[in-house]
Amino acid sequence: MLTNELEGVNKDVYKTDWQWQEGEYTVTRTNMWTAPGCHNGCSVLYYTKDGKVEKIEGDPLSPYNQGRLCMRCLDVVETFYHPDRLKYPLKRVGERGDNKWERITWDEAYDDIAEHVRAIWEDYGPESIVSMQGTGRNICWQTPYLS
């Protein structure tokens, strides 16, 4: 936010720092997108305690969302800590559809992807892999350069 936009703002109510202490919480001003299909990038305040996000609020100083959040943002704390959330790469160990997986390292995952991509390039040529995105409006120009 521009300095002249902050004139008249009660800085005791609406702090302008990127991070501050509020009782037992560390409040961090940041920005987030929620999947799937979010196009906005709203400004938020994360309230953390002992390294864990406990609450989220819209940033009232944001010129974009002005402190308002959609239900996906408001539910993000549950999303972060849901027991079924994927946090590590998994590799299928059974037949397709068996739902059997093993945890692998990030290096193993990257190596496996690189091996498959190189095999496709060798068999069919590098132009056989095409990148495209749906409505990710904020990355429209980058994807073709990655191929």
N, C-alpha and C. Protein backbone atom coordinates (compact mmCIF):
# COMPACT_ATOMS: atom_id res chain seq x y z
N MET A 1 0.85 -1.17 0.00
CA MET A 1 0.00 0.00 0.00
C MET A 1 0.89 1.24 0.00
N LEU A 2 0.51 2.22 -0.75
CA LEU A 2 1.30 3.43 -0.83
C LEU A 2 1.21 4.23 0.46
N THR A 3 2.26 4.97 0.78
CA THR A 3 2.31 5.74 2.02
C THR A 3 1.15 6.71 2.12
N ASN A 4 0.81 7.41 1.03
CA ASN A 4 -0.28 8.39 1.11
C ASN A 4 -1.63 7.73 1.35
N GLU A 5 -1.77 6.44 1.04
CA GLU A 5 -3.01 5.72 1.30
C GLU A 5 -3.15 5.40 2.78
N LEU A 6 -2.06 5.46 3.54
CA LEU A 6 -2.10 5.12 4.96
C LEU A 6 -2.45 6.31 5.84
N GLU A 7 -2.57 7.49 5.24
CA GLU A 7 -2.93 8.66 6.04
C GLU A 7 -4.30 8.44 6.65
N GLY A 8 -4.42 8.70 7.94
CA GLY A 8 -5.70 8.55 8.62
C GLY A 8 -5.99 7.14 9.09
N VAL A 9 -5.12 6.16 8.76
CA VAL A 9 -5.34 4.79 9.21
C VAL A 9 -4.88 4.67 10.66
N ASN A 10 -5.71 4.12 11.51
CA ASN A 10 -5.36 3.89 12.91
C ASN A 10 -4.38 2.73 12.96
N LYS A 11 -3.10 3.04 13.13
CA LYS A 11 -2.05 2.01 13.08
C LYS A 11 -2.05 1.11 14.31
N ASP A 12 -2.80 1.49 15.36
CA ASP A 12 -2.95 0.57 16.49
C ASP A 12 -3.93 -0.54 16.13
N VAL A 13 -4.91 -0.22 15.30
CA VAL A 13 -5.90 -1.21 14.88
C VAL A 13 -5.40 -1.96 13.65
N TYR A 14 -4.91 -1.22 12.65
CA TYR A 14 -4.43 -1.82 11.42
C TYR A 14 -2.93 -1.62 11.32
N LYS A 15 -2.19 -2.58 11.84
CA LYS A 15 -0.73 -2.48 11.84
C LYS A 15 -0.22 -2.54 10.40
N THR A 16 0.89 -1.86 10.14
CA THR A 16 1.43 -1.82 8.79
C THR A 16 2.69 -2.65 8.64
N ASP A 17 3.19 -3.25 9.73
CA ASP A 17 4.38 -4.10 9.64
C ASP A 17 4.03 -5.40 8.92
N TRP A 18 5.05 -6.10 8.43
CA TRP A 18 4.79 -7.39 7.79
C TRP A 18 4.60 -8.50 8.81
N GLN A 19 5.08 -8.28 10.06
CA GLN A 19 4.92 -9.29 11.10
C GLN A 19 4.95 -8.61 12.47
N TRP A 20 4.14 -9.09 13.40
CA TRP A 20 4.09 -8.53 14.75
C TRP A 20 3.55 -9.58 15.72
N GLN A 21 3.70 -9.31 16.99
CA GLN A 21 3.18 -10.16 18.06
C GLN A 21 1.84 -9.61 18.51
N GLU A 22 0.88 -10.47 18.68
CA GLU A 22 -0.43 -10.09 19.19
C GLU A 22 -0.79 -11.11 20.26
N GLY A 23 -0.46 -10.80 21.51
CA GLY A 23 -0.65 -11.77 22.59
C GLY A 23 0.26 -12.97 22.36
N GLU A 24 -0.32 -14.15 22.35
CA GLU A 24 0.47 -15.38 22.14
C GLU A 24 0.67 -15.72 20.66
N TYR A 25 0.11 -14.91 19.77
CA TYR A 25 0.20 -15.19 18.33
C TYR A 25 1.23 -14.31 17.65
N THR A 26 1.92 -14.89 16.67
CA THR A 26 2.71 -14.12 15.73
C THR A 26 1.82 -13.92 14.51
N VAL A 27 1.61 -12.67 14.14
CA VAL A 27 0.75 -12.35 12.99
C VAL A 27 1.67 -12.01 11.82
N THR A 28 1.44 -12.68 10.70
CA THR A 28 2.27 -12.47 9.50
C THR A 28 1.38 -12.05 8.35
N ARG A 29 1.73 -10.92 7.75
CA ARG A 29 1.03 -10.42 6.57
C ARG A 29 1.65 -11.10 5.35
N THR A 30 0.80 -11.71 4.53
CA THR A 30 1.30 -12.38 3.34
C THR A 30 0.20 -12.40 2.29
N ASN A 31 0.39 -13.22 1.27
CA ASN A 31 -0.53 -13.31 0.15
C ASN A 31 -0.75 -14.78 -0.16
N MET A 32 -1.94 -15.17 -0.60
CA MET A 32 -2.16 -16.58 -0.89
C MET A 32 -3.16 -16.78 -2.01
N TRP A 33 -3.03 -17.93 -2.66
CA TRP A 33 -3.99 -18.43 -3.63
C TRP A 33 -4.46 -19.77 -3.11
N THR A 34 -5.70 -20.10 -3.31
CA THR A 34 -6.21 -21.40 -2.86
C THR A 34 -6.60 -22.22 -4.08
N ALA A 35 -6.20 -23.46 -4.07
CA ALA A 35 -6.53 -24.36 -5.19
C ALA A 35 -7.86 -25.02 -4.91
N PRO A 36 -8.55 -25.50 -5.90
CA PRO A 36 -8.24 -25.35 -7.32
C PRO A 36 -8.93 -24.12 -7.90
N GLY A 37 -8.31 -23.55 -8.90
CA GLY A 37 -8.96 -22.52 -9.68
C GLY A 37 -9.00 -21.12 -9.13
N CYS A 38 -8.20 -20.80 -8.13
CA CYS A 38 -8.21 -19.44 -7.59
C CYS A 38 -7.41 -18.52 -8.53
N HIS A 39 -7.97 -17.36 -8.80
CA HIS A 39 -7.30 -16.41 -9.70
C HIS A 39 -6.91 -15.13 -8.99
N ASN A 40 -7.08 -15.08 -7.69
CA ASN A 40 -7.05 -13.79 -7.04
C ASN A 40 -5.76 -13.42 -6.33
N GLY A 41 -5.25 -14.21 -5.46
CA GLY A 41 -4.08 -13.82 -4.69
C GLY A 41 -4.43 -12.76 -3.66
N CYS A 42 -5.19 -13.15 -2.67
CA CYS A 42 -5.67 -12.21 -1.66
C CYS A 42 -4.63 -12.00 -0.56
N SER A 43 -4.66 -10.82 0.01
CA SER A 43 -3.78 -10.49 1.14
C SER A 43 -4.41 -11.03 2.42
N VAL A 44 -3.59 -11.71 3.22
CA VAL A 44 -4.09 -12.36 4.42
C VAL A 44 -3.17 -12.08 5.61
N LEU A 45 -3.72 -12.35 6.78
CA LEU A 45 -2.96 -12.31 8.03
C LEU A 45 -3.01 -13.71 8.62
N TYR A 46 -1.84 -14.35 8.76
CA TYR A 46 -1.75 -15.66 9.40
C TYR A 46 -1.44 -15.45 10.87
N TYR A 47 -2.20 -16.09 11.74
CA TYR A 47 -1.97 -16.07 13.18
C TYR A 47 -1.35 -17.42 13.54
N THR A 48 -0.08 -17.41 13.92
CA THR A 48 0.62 -18.65 14.24
C THR A 48 1.01 -18.69 15.71
N LYS A 49 1.01 -19.91 16.24
CA LYS A 49 1.45 -20.14 17.61
C LYS A 49 2.23 -21.44 17.61
N ASP A 50 3.42 -21.41 18.17
CA ASP A 50 4.28 -22.59 18.20
C ASP A 50 4.52 -23.17 16.81
N GLY A 51 4.68 -22.28 15.81
CA GLY A 51 4.98 -22.70 14.45
C GLY A 51 3.81 -23.27 13.68
N LYS A 52 2.59 -23.15 14.20
CA LYS A 52 1.42 -23.71 13.54
C LYS A 52 0.40 -22.59 13.27
N VAL A 53 -0.12 -22.53 12.05
CA VAL A 53 -1.15 -21.55 11.72
C VAL A 53 -2.42 -21.97 12.44
N GLU A 54 -2.98 -21.05 13.23
CA GLU A 54 -4.20 -21.37 13.97
C GLU A 54 -5.42 -20.60 13.46
N LYS A 55 -5.17 -19.48 12.79
CA LYS A 55 -6.27 -18.65 12.33
C LYS A 55 -5.80 -17.84 11.13
N ILE A 56 -6.73 -17.51 10.26
CA ILE A 56 -6.43 -16.66 9.11
C ILE A 56 -7.51 -15.60 9.00
N GLU A 57 -7.09 -14.40 8.65
CA GLU A 57 -8.02 -13.30 8.42
C GLU A 57 -7.60 -12.58 7.15
N GLY A 58 -8.54 -11.91 6.53
CA GLY A 58 -8.21 -11.04 5.41
C GLY A 58 -7.49 -9.81 5.90
N ASP A 59 -6.56 -9.31 5.11
CA ASP A 59 -5.81 -8.11 5.49
C ASP A 59 -6.65 -6.87 5.19
N PRO A 60 -7.07 -6.13 6.22
CA PRO A 60 -7.91 -4.95 5.98
C PRO A 60 -7.18 -3.84 5.23
N LEU A 61 -5.86 -3.89 5.14
CA LEU A 61 -5.11 -2.87 4.41
C LEU A 61 -4.92 -3.22 2.94
N SER A 62 -5.41 -4.36 2.52
CA SER A 62 -5.23 -4.77 1.13
C SER A 62 -6.11 -3.96 0.19
N PRO A 63 -5.52 -3.33 -0.82
CA PRO A 63 -6.34 -2.61 -1.78
C PRO A 63 -7.15 -3.55 -2.67
N TYR A 64 -6.75 -4.83 -2.71
CA TYR A 64 -7.44 -5.79 -3.58
C TYR A 64 -8.66 -6.40 -2.90
N ASN A 65 -8.46 -7.13 -1.81
CA ASN A 65 -9.59 -7.81 -1.18
C ASN A 65 -10.13 -7.09 0.06
N GLN A 66 -9.46 -6.03 0.50
CA GLN A 66 -9.93 -5.15 1.56
C GLN A 66 -10.40 -5.91 2.80
N GLY A 67 -9.69 -6.98 3.13
CA GLY A 67 -10.01 -7.74 4.34
C GLY A 67 -11.03 -8.84 4.14
N ARG A 68 -11.59 -8.96 2.97
CA ARG A 68 -12.59 -10.01 2.71
C ARG A 68 -11.90 -11.25 2.17
N LEU A 69 -12.43 -12.43 2.54
CA LEU A 69 -11.90 -13.70 2.05
C LEU A 69 -13.04 -14.62 1.64
N CYS A 70 -12.77 -15.47 0.67
CA CYS A 70 -13.74 -16.48 0.27
C CYS A 70 -13.69 -17.66 1.25
N MET A 71 -14.61 -18.58 1.11
CA MET A 71 -14.68 -19.72 2.03
C MET A 71 -13.43 -20.62 1.93
N ARG A 72 -12.82 -20.71 0.74
CA ARG A 72 -11.61 -21.53 0.63
C ARG A 72 -10.48 -20.96 1.47
N CYS A 73 -10.32 -19.66 1.44
CA CYS A 73 -9.28 -19.04 2.28
C CYS A 73 -9.61 -19.20 3.75
N LEU A 74 -10.86 -18.99 4.10
CA LEU A 74 -11.24 -19.10 5.49
C LEU A 74 -11.06 -20.53 6.03
N ASP A 75 -11.09 -21.52 5.14
CA ASP A 75 -10.96 -22.92 5.53
C ASP A 75 -9.53 -23.44 5.39
N VAL A 76 -8.58 -22.57 5.07
CA VAL A 76 -7.23 -23.02 4.74
C VAL A 76 -6.51 -23.66 5.93
N VAL A 77 -6.83 -23.29 7.14
CA VAL A 77 -6.19 -23.91 8.30
C VAL A 77 -6.50 -25.40 8.34
N GLU A 78 -7.76 -25.76 8.08
CA GLU A 78 -8.13 -27.18 8.02
C GLU A 78 -7.41 -27.87 6.87
N THR A 79 -7.29 -27.18 5.74
CA THR A 79 -6.59 -27.75 4.59
C THR A 79 -5.13 -28.03 4.92
N PHE A 80 -4.48 -27.09 5.60
CA PHE A 80 -3.07 -27.27 5.97
C PHE A 80 -2.84 -28.53 6.79
N TYR A 81 -3.72 -28.79 7.72
CA TYR A 81 -3.47 -29.84 8.72
C TYR A 81 -4.38 -31.06 8.58
N HIS A 82 -5.08 -31.19 7.46
CA HIS A 82 -5.94 -32.35 7.25
C HIS A 82 -5.08 -33.61 7.20
N PRO A 83 -5.49 -34.68 7.88
CA PRO A 83 -4.65 -35.89 7.91
C PRO A 83 -4.44 -36.54 6.55
N ASP A 84 -5.32 -36.30 5.58
CA ASP A 84 -5.17 -36.90 4.25
C ASP A 84 -4.38 -36.03 3.28
N ARG A 85 -3.89 -34.88 3.73
CA ARG A 85 -3.15 -34.00 2.83
C ARG A 85 -1.84 -34.65 2.41
N LEU A 86 -1.54 -34.60 1.12
CA LEU A 86 -0.28 -35.13 0.63
C LEU A 86 0.83 -34.14 0.94
N LYS A 87 1.91 -34.63 1.55
CA LYS A 87 3.04 -33.78 1.91
C LYS A 87 4.34 -34.27 1.32
N TYR A 88 4.36 -35.49 0.84
CA TYR A 88 5.58 -36.12 0.35
C TYR A 88 5.27 -36.85 -0.95
N PRO A 89 6.28 -37.05 -1.78
CA PRO A 89 6.04 -37.81 -3.00
C PRO A 89 5.76 -39.28 -2.68
N LEU A 90 4.84 -39.85 -3.43
CA LEU A 90 4.47 -41.25 -3.28
C LEU A 90 4.65 -41.95 -4.62
N LYS A 91 5.00 -43.22 -4.57
CA LYS A 91 5.15 -44.03 -5.78
C LYS A 91 4.25 -45.24 -5.67
N ARG A 92 3.54 -45.54 -6.76
CA ARG A 92 2.64 -46.69 -6.76
C ARG A 92 3.46 -47.97 -6.64
N VAL A 93 3.04 -48.86 -5.74
CA VAL A 93 3.73 -50.15 -5.58
C VAL A 93 2.84 -51.31 -5.98
N GLY A 94 1.55 -51.08 -6.13
CA GLY A 94 0.63 -52.13 -6.58
C GLY A 94 0.21 -51.87 -8.01
N GLU A 95 -0.79 -52.59 -8.42
CA GLU A 95 -1.35 -52.37 -9.75
C GLU A 95 -2.18 -51.08 -9.73
N ARG A 96 -2.33 -50.48 -10.89
CA ARG A 96 -3.16 -49.28 -11.00
C ARG A 96 -4.55 -49.60 -10.44
N GLY A 97 -5.04 -48.75 -9.55
CA GLY A 97 -6.35 -48.97 -8.94
C GLY A 97 -6.30 -49.68 -7.60
N ASP A 98 -5.15 -50.26 -7.23
CA ASP A 98 -5.02 -50.96 -5.95
C ASP A 98 -4.89 -50.00 -4.77
N ASN A 99 -4.54 -48.76 -5.05
CA ASN A 99 -4.34 -47.74 -4.02
C ASN A 99 -3.25 -48.15 -3.03
N LYS A 100 -2.14 -48.67 -3.57
CA LYS A 100 -0.99 -49.03 -2.75
C LYS A 100 0.18 -48.14 -3.14
N TRP A 101 0.76 -47.46 -2.14
CA TRP A 101 1.79 -46.47 -2.39
C TRP A 101 2.89 -46.60 -1.35
N GLU A 102 4.09 -46.12 -1.74
CA GLU A 102 5.18 -46.02 -0.78
C GLU A 102 5.76 -44.61 -0.86
N ARG A 103 6.21 -44.13 0.27
CA ARG A 103 6.81 -42.80 0.31
C ARG A 103 8.22 -42.90 -0.26
N ILE A 104 8.57 -41.93 -1.12
CA ILE A 104 9.91 -41.85 -1.67
C ILE A 104 10.45 -40.46 -1.39
N THR A 105 11.75 -40.28 -1.60
CA THR A 105 12.36 -38.97 -1.36
C THR A 105 12.05 -38.05 -2.54
N TRP A 106 12.25 -36.75 -2.32
CA TRP A 106 12.08 -35.79 -3.41
C TRP A 106 13.07 -36.06 -4.53
N ASP A 107 14.32 -36.42 -4.18
CA ASP A 107 15.31 -36.73 -5.21
C ASP A 107 14.88 -37.92 -6.05
N GLU A 108 14.34 -38.95 -5.41
CA GLU A 108 13.85 -40.11 -6.16
C GLU A 108 12.70 -39.71 -7.09
N ALA A 109 11.81 -38.87 -6.61
CA ALA A 109 10.69 -38.43 -7.44
C ALA A 109 11.18 -37.64 -8.66
N TYR A 110 12.09 -36.69 -8.42
CA TYR A 110 12.63 -35.90 -9.54
C TYR A 110 13.37 -36.79 -10.54
N ASP A 111 14.18 -37.73 -10.03
CA ASP A 111 14.91 -38.64 -10.92
C ASP A 111 13.95 -39.49 -11.75
N ASP A 112 12.87 -39.96 -11.13
CA ASP A 112 11.88 -40.78 -11.83
C ASP A 112 11.19 -39.98 -12.94
N ILE A 113 10.83 -38.74 -12.62
CA ILE A 113 10.20 -37.87 -13.62
C ILE A 113 11.17 -37.60 -14.76
N ALA A 114 12.41 -37.26 -14.43
CA ALA A 114 13.41 -36.96 -15.47
C ALA A 114 13.64 -38.17 -16.36
N GLU A 115 13.69 -39.35 -15.77
CA GLU A 115 13.89 -40.59 -16.55
C GLU A 115 12.73 -40.79 -17.54
N HIS A 116 11.51 -40.60 -17.08
CA HIS A 116 10.35 -40.77 -17.97
C HIS A 116 10.31 -39.72 -19.06
N VAL A 117 10.63 -38.48 -18.73
CA VAL A 117 10.64 -37.42 -19.73
C VAL A 117 11.71 -37.69 -20.79
N ARG A 118 12.89 -38.08 -20.35
CA ARG A 118 13.97 -38.37 -21.32
C ARG A 118 13.62 -39.56 -22.21
N ALA A 119 12.94 -40.56 -21.67
CA ALA A 119 12.52 -41.71 -22.47
C ALA A 119 11.51 -41.27 -23.54
N ILE A 120 10.60 -40.40 -23.18
CA ILE A 120 9.63 -39.88 -24.16
C ILE A 120 10.36 -39.08 -25.23
N TRP A 121 11.30 -38.22 -24.83
CA TRP A 121 12.07 -37.45 -25.79
C TRP A 121 12.81 -38.37 -26.76
N GLU A 122 13.43 -39.41 -26.22
CA GLU A 122 14.21 -40.33 -27.05
C GLU A 122 13.32 -41.09 -28.02
N ASP A 123 12.17 -41.55 -27.55
CA ASP A 123 11.28 -42.36 -28.39
C ASP A 123 10.47 -41.52 -29.37
N TYR A 124 10.05 -40.33 -28.97
CA TYR A 124 9.10 -39.57 -29.78
C TYR A 124 9.55 -38.15 -30.11
N GLY A 125 10.66 -37.70 -29.53
CA GLY A 125 11.14 -36.34 -29.76
C GLY A 125 10.64 -35.39 -28.69
N PRO A 126 11.43 -34.34 -28.41
CA PRO A 126 11.07 -33.41 -27.33
C PRO A 126 9.77 -32.67 -27.59
N GLU A 127 9.40 -32.51 -28.88
CA GLU A 127 8.15 -31.81 -29.18
C GLU A 127 6.91 -32.65 -28.84
N SER A 128 7.11 -33.90 -28.43
CA SER A 128 5.96 -34.75 -28.08
C SER A 128 5.38 -34.43 -26.71
N ILE A 129 6.07 -33.61 -25.91
CA ILE A 129 5.53 -33.17 -24.63
C ILE A 129 5.05 -31.74 -24.79
N VAL A 130 3.77 -31.53 -24.58
CA VAL A 130 3.18 -30.22 -24.75
C VAL A 130 2.66 -29.74 -23.39
N SER A 131 2.96 -28.51 -23.07
CA SER A 131 2.48 -27.92 -21.82
C SER A 131 1.35 -26.97 -22.12
N MET A 132 0.36 -27.01 -21.26
CA MET A 132 -0.77 -26.10 -21.39
C MET A 132 -1.38 -25.92 -20.03
N GLN A 133 -2.05 -24.83 -19.83
CA GLN A 133 -2.75 -24.62 -18.57
C GLN A 133 -4.16 -24.16 -18.89
N GLY A 134 -5.01 -24.33 -17.90
CA GLY A 134 -6.39 -23.91 -18.07
C GLY A 134 -6.52 -22.43 -17.83
N THR A 135 -7.08 -22.06 -16.70
CA THR A 135 -7.38 -20.66 -16.46
C THR A 135 -6.39 -20.01 -15.51
N GLY A 136 -5.15 -20.50 -15.46
CA GLY A 136 -4.14 -19.88 -14.60
C GLY A 136 -3.68 -18.57 -15.19
N ARG A 137 -4.51 -17.58 -15.12
CA ARG A 137 -4.26 -16.31 -15.81
C ARG A 137 -2.96 -15.62 -15.41
N ASN A 138 -2.47 -15.92 -14.23
CA ASN A 138 -1.27 -15.22 -13.79
C ASN A 138 0.02 -15.88 -14.30
N ILE A 139 -0.07 -16.97 -15.05
CA ILE A 139 1.13 -17.62 -15.58
C ILE A 139 1.00 -17.94 -17.07
N CYS A 140 0.19 -17.21 -17.77
CA CYS A 140 -0.10 -17.54 -19.17
C CYS A 140 1.12 -17.55 -20.07
N TRP A 141 2.07 -16.68 -19.85
CA TRP A 141 3.18 -16.56 -20.78
C TRP A 141 4.33 -17.49 -20.47
N GLN A 142 4.45 -18.00 -19.21
CA GLN A 142 5.63 -18.78 -18.84
C GLN A 142 5.60 -20.22 -19.36
N THR A 143 4.44 -20.85 -19.36
CA THR A 143 4.35 -22.28 -19.64
C THR A 143 4.96 -22.69 -20.98
N PRO A 144 4.70 -22.00 -22.09
CA PRO A 144 5.31 -22.45 -23.35
C PRO A 144 6.84 -22.45 -23.34
N TYR A 145 7.44 -21.59 -22.52
CA TYR A 145 8.90 -21.54 -22.46
C TYR A 145 9.50 -22.70 -21.69
N LEU A 146 8.69 -23.43 -20.91
CA LEU A 146 9.19 -24.54 -20.13
C LEU A 146 9.35 -25.80 -20.95
N SER A 147 8.69 -25.89 -22.09
CA SER A 147 8.70 -27.11 -22.90
C SER A 147 9.97 -27.28 -23.67
